[in-house]
Amino acid sequence: MRQFSHETPERGVTEISRALDMDAAGVHRYLRALEADGFIERNPETRRYSLGLALVELANVRLAQTRLVDVAKPHLAWLLRETGETVQLSILDRDSVFYVDILESPQPIRVASKIGDRSPLHFTAAGKLFLAFFADARQEEILSRPLEGPTPNSVMDPDRLRAELTEIRQRGISIDDEGFISYLRAVAAPVRDGSGNMIAAVAIGGPTPRVSMQVLDTFATCLEQATKRISGELGYIGQ
């Protein structure tokens, strides 16, 4: 794809194969595969190739992530000061939660995670939040898979999980009560863009001896305030 530029927006198979010192048939296979996903477009008249709009979509996703982290950072810091527990900002990447920013608790015993880590949808507070706001067909496709729980508190019955996801969607808040890691409780709330779509989740979590369900309720109040501010700065004007 780096063979395309402002000077040479269109290139043929032979040109690319010579530039890369590759077999023309192999280059053609690569181009056809990229074309199928929209990363490359073929001009039917010249039979030459150019970059496709799918690259623009990916670039916009990356730019949105960068802006998301920048906008969220001060609000995550406020949450850390208010709660004293680890705060995580995550996005959905395929069928897992992907952490893009983390502010760790100063406590010696705390949630241990790092930027770039992933976690499952079914059992984490942020994951269940994403799952709750999926379209019905996609949600059902995921719930039809075997649900293997990592702790005794993991909900592995699809019907129970469906009921929980309905409640999460109504409340706008998701709770993990030792469903992912024993002795860990967490709460998550959604971040929305200007169109009202959920684009990220903010979660606060800590060890159960310190984070009772009552404490988690106070965290949820702070969390709702912070995520509303973040969403507002991203253009969301809903309630």
Foldseek 3Di string as FASTA:
>chain_A
DVVADPVRQWDALVVVCVVVVHDSVVSVVVQVVCVVVQQKDADPVVRIIGGGCVVVVVVVLVVVLVVLCVLQVVLLVVLCVVQLAKKFKWFDDPQWTFTQDIDHRPDPAHDDDDHGDIDGLQADFFSLLVLLPDDPVVNVVVLVDQDDWPDPPADRDSVVSNVQSPVCVVVQKGWHDCRHHRQKIKMKGFAAAQVRDGGIIMMTMTGCVVCPVVNRVVSVVSRVVSSVSSNVVRNHDDD
